[in-house]
Amino acid sequence: MTQTKEAIEKYLHQYGGDGWTILKPMSLVEMGFTPEFVQKHTKIHESGDAPKDTIFIENGIAAKLQGVYCLEFLYGIANDCGADQTEAKQKTGRGFQAGCLCRSVLKKIRSS
């Protein structure tokens, strides 16, 4: 595991069940994740045609937004700490996947 338990627990407490939000990379570094780990999960996201694929920001809709997608970051955390992802991968909803990953990661880091 390359990330601290403290950073992971803080993230899970704040965003654990969130499978939708795109976060500013620096907010995750400030939370305690290494810049390299955050950069690995940072990409440019594009709004799509469907309402669920639209990126909303404070002052409207963004065609593109650079950041870290919460669900992908949770999968990254699960990979990093060796948490079981089987149940999450069986779910179709982003929130259901995020919830499963959150529980699995917490179980893993609390047992190590």
C-alpha atoms as a PDB file:
ATOM      1  CA  MET A   1       0.000   0.000   0.000  1.00  0.00           C
ATOM      2  CA  THR A   2       1.574   3.261  -1.110  1.00  0.00           C
ATOM      3  CA  GLN A   3      -0.972   5.641   0.455  1.00  0.00           C
ATOM      4  CA  THR A   4      -1.451   6.286   4.170  1.00  0.00           C
ATOM      5  CA  LYS A   5      -4.381   4.840   6.065  1.00  0.00           C
ATOM      6  CA  GLU A   6      -5.135   8.326   7.334  1.00  0.00           C
ATOM      7  CA  ALA A   7      -5.497   9.770   3.812  1.00  0.00           C
ATOM      8  CA  ILE A   8      -7.651   6.838   2.707  1.00  0.00           C
ATOM      9  CA  GLU A   9      -9.936   7.021   5.747  1.00  0.00           C
ATOM     10  CA  LYS A  10     -10.304  10.783   5.341  1.00  0.00           C
ATOM     11  CA  TYR A  11     -11.238  10.352   1.671  1.00  0.00           C
ATOM     12  CA  LEU A  12     -13.692   7.547   2.408  1.00  0.00           C
ATOM     13  CA  HIS A  13     -15.320   9.584   5.154  1.00  0.00           C
ATOM     14  CA  GLN A  14     -15.780  12.571   2.858  1.00  0.00           C
ATOM     15  CA  TYR A  15     -16.429  10.934  -0.536  1.00  0.00           C
ATOM     16  CA  GLY A  16     -16.764   7.182   0.063  1.00  0.00           C
ATOM     17  CA  GLY A  17     -20.168   6.588  -1.465  1.00  0.00           C
ATOM     18  CA  ASP A  18     -19.684   9.130  -4.247  1.00  0.00           C
ATOM     19  CA  GLY A  19     -19.380   7.588  -7.695  1.00  0.00           C
ATOM     20  CA  TRP A  20     -20.069  10.756  -9.679  1.00  0.00           C
ATOM     21  CA  THR A  21     -18.003  13.766  -8.621  1.00  0.00           C
ATOM     22  CA  ILE A  22     -14.885  15.010 -10.401  1.00  0.00           C
ATOM     23  CA  LEU A  23     -12.467  16.425  -7.831  1.00  0.00           C
ATOM     24  CA  LYS A  24      -9.646  18.924  -8.123  1.00  0.00           C
ATOM     25  CA  PRO A  25      -6.371  16.979  -7.949  1.00  0.00           C
ATOM     26  CA  MET A  26      -4.841  19.362  -5.422  1.00  0.00           C
ATOM     27  CA  SER A  27      -7.663  18.678  -2.947  1.00  0.00           C
ATOM     28  CA  LEU A  28      -6.573  15.027  -2.848  1.00  0.00           C
ATOM     29  CA  VAL A  29      -2.914  15.940  -2.385  1.00  0.00           C
ATOM     30  CA  GLU A  30      -3.955  18.223   0.473  1.00  0.00           C
ATOM     31  CA  MET A  31      -5.879  15.276   1.929  1.00  0.00           C
ATOM     32  CA  GLY A  32      -2.625  13.306   2.116  1.00  0.00           C
ATOM     33  CA  PHE A  33      -2.379  11.328  -1.132  1.00  0.00           C
ATOM     34  CA  THR A  34       0.924  11.450  -2.979  1.00  0.00           C
ATOM     35  CA  PRO A  35       1.060  13.723  -6.031  1.00  0.00           C
ATOM     36  CA  GLU A  36       2.132  10.732  -8.153  1.00  0.00           C
ATOM     37  CA  PHE A  37      -0.899   8.675  -7.117  1.00  0.00           C
ATOM     38  CA  VAL A  38      -3.259  11.584  -7.776  1.00  0.00           C
ATOM     39  CA  GLN A  39      -1.650  12.373 -11.139  1.00  0.00           C
ATOM     40  CA  LYS A  40      -2.097   8.734 -12.190  1.00  0.00           C
ATOM     41  CA  HIS A  41      -5.866   9.186 -11.771  1.00  0.00           C
ATOM     42  CA  THR A  42      -6.139  12.702 -13.204  1.00  0.00           C
ATOM     43  CA  LYS A  43      -7.541  13.103 -16.692  1.00  0.00           C
ATOM     44  CA  ILE A  44      -9.648  15.369 -18.851  1.00  0.00           C
ATOM     45  CA  HIS A  45     -13.324  14.431 -18.645  1.00  0.00           C
ATOM     46  CA  GLU A  46     -15.798  15.454 -21.330  1.00  0.00           C
ATOM     47  CA  SER A  47     -19.520  16.103 -21.038  1.00  0.00           C
ATOM     48  CA  GLY A  48     -21.725  13.808 -23.075  1.00  0.00           C
ATOM     49  CA  ASP A  49     -25.116  14.209 -24.694  1.00  0.00           C
ATOM     50  CA  ALA A  50     -27.124  12.472 -21.955  1.00  0.00           C
ATOM     51  CA  PRO A  51     -27.984  14.323 -18.716  1.00  0.00           C
ATOM     52  CA  LYS A  52     -26.057  11.737 -16.657  1.00  0.00           C
ATOM     53  CA  ASP A  53     -22.973  12.448 -18.767  1.00  0.00           C
ATOM     54  CA  THR A  54     -23.115  16.224 -18.325  1.00  0.00           C
ATOM     55  CA  ILE A  55     -20.445  17.883 -16.192  1.00  0.00           C
ATOM     56  CA  PHE A  56     -22.004  20.575 -14.039  1.00  0.00           C
ATOM     57  CA  ILE A  57     -19.822  23.252 -12.459  1.00  0.00           C
ATOM     58  CA  GLU A  58     -20.638  26.252 -10.267  1.00  0.00           C
ATOM     59  CA  ASN A  59     -21.572  28.548 -13.125  1.00  0.00           C
ATOM     60  CA  GLY A  60     -23.118  26.121 -15.593  1.00  0.00           C
ATOM     61  CA  ILE A  61     -22.014  23.202 -17.719  1.00  0.00           C
ATOM     62  CA  ALA A  62     -18.420  22.351 -18.627  1.00  0.00           C
ATOM     63  CA  ALA A  63     -17.640  20.793 -21.988  1.00  0.00           C
ATOM     64  CA  LYS A  64     -14.370  19.493 -20.491  1.00  0.00           C
ATOM     65  CA  LEU A  65     -12.945  19.375 -16.993  1.00  0.00           C
ATOM     66  CA  GLN A  66      -9.574  18.150 -15.747  1.00  0.00           C
ATOM     67  CA  GLY A  67      -9.801  16.282 -12.493  1.00  0.00           C
ATOM     68  CA  VAL A  68     -10.105  12.998 -10.630  1.00  0.00           C
ATOM     69  CA  TYR A  69     -13.321  11.019 -11.030  1.00  0.00           C
ATOM     70  CA  CYS A  70     -14.359   9.669  -7.620  1.00  0.00           C
ATOM     71  CA  LEU A  71     -15.317   6.175  -8.772  1.00  0.00           C
ATOM     72  CA  GLU A  72     -12.076   5.641 -10.678  1.00  0.00           C
ATOM     73  CA  PHE A  73     -10.138   6.970  -7.694  1.00  0.00           C
ATOM     74  CA  LEU A  74     -11.892   4.467  -5.413  1.00  0.00           C
ATOM     75  CA  TYR A  75     -10.893   1.651  -7.754  1.00  0.00           C
ATOM     76  CA  GLY A  76      -7.343   3.013  -7.633  1.00  0.00           C
ATOM     77  CA  ILE A  77      -7.364   3.026  -3.829  1.00  0.00           C
ATOM     78  CA  ALA A  78      -8.759  -0.527  -3.799  1.00  0.00           C
ATOM     79  CA  ASN A  79      -6.000  -1.666  -6.158  1.00  0.00           C
ATOM     80  CA  ASP A  80      -3.361   0.083  -4.070  1.00  0.00           C
ATOM     81  CA  CYS A  81      -4.354  -1.546  -0.796  1.00  0.00           C
ATOM     82  CA  GLY A  82      -5.384  -4.924  -2.234  1.00  0.00           C
ATOM     83  CA  ALA A  83      -9.067  -4.642  -1.320  1.00  0.00           C
ATOM     84  CA  ASP A  84     -11.527  -7.076  -2.905  1.00  0.00           C
ATOM     85  CA  GLN A  85     -13.384  -5.521  -5.845  1.00  0.00           C
ATOM     86  CA  THR A  86     -15.538  -8.509  -6.798  1.00  0.00           C
ATOM     87  CA  GLU A  87     -18.830  -7.194  -5.416  1.00  0.00           C
ATOM     88  CA  ALA A  88     -18.270  -3.691  -6.815  1.00  0.00           C
ATOM     89  CA  LYS A  89     -17.604  -5.017 -10.308  1.00  0.00           C
ATOM     90  CA  GLN A  90     -20.908  -6.903 -10.210  1.00  0.00           C
ATOM     91  CA  LYS A  91     -22.869  -3.677  -9.661  1.00  0.00           C
ATOM     92  CA  THR A  92     -24.051  -1.461 -12.513  1.00  0.00           C
ATOM     93  CA  GLY A  93     -24.711   1.798 -10.678  1.00  0.00           C
ATOM     94  CA  ARG A  94     -21.833   4.150  -9.858  1.00  0.00           C
ATOM     95  CA  GLY A  95     -23.129   4.746  -6.336  1.00  0.00           C
ATOM     96  CA  PHE A  96     -23.539   1.027  -5.660  1.00  0.00           C
ATOM     97  CA  GLN A  97     -20.001   0.381  -6.910  1.00  0.00           C
ATOM     98  CA  ALA A  98     -18.639   3.214  -4.779  1.00  0.00           C
ATOM     99  CA  GLY A  99     -20.405   1.914  -1.675  1.00  0.00           C
ATOM    100  CA  CYS A 100     -19.043  -1.598  -2.187  1.00  0.00           C
ATOM    101  CA  LEU A 101     -15.524  -0.301  -2.737  1.00  0.00           C
ATOM    102  CA  CYS A 102     -15.738   1.902   0.346  1.00  0.00           C
ATOM    103  CA  ARG A 103     -16.732  -1.032   2.557  1.00  0.00           C
ATOM    104  CA  SER A 104     -14.100  -3.314   1.047  1.00  0.00           C
ATOM    105  CA  VAL A 105     -11.289  -0.767   1.393  1.00  0.00           C
ATOM    106  CA  LEU A 106     -12.230   0.014   4.999  1.00  0.00           C
ATOM    107  CA  LYS A 107     -12.292  -3.683   5.829  1.00  0.00           C
ATOM    108  CA  LYS A 108      -8.873  -4.150   4.243  1.00  0.00           C
ATOM    109  CA  ILE A 109      -7.091  -1.212   5.848  1.00  0.00           C
ATOM    110  CA  ARG A 110      -8.584  -1.868   9.267  1.00  0.00           C
ATOM    111  CA  SER A 111      -7.411  -5.499   9.184  1.00  0.00           C
ATOM    112  CA  SER A 112      -3.824  -4.646   8.236  1.00  0.00           C
END
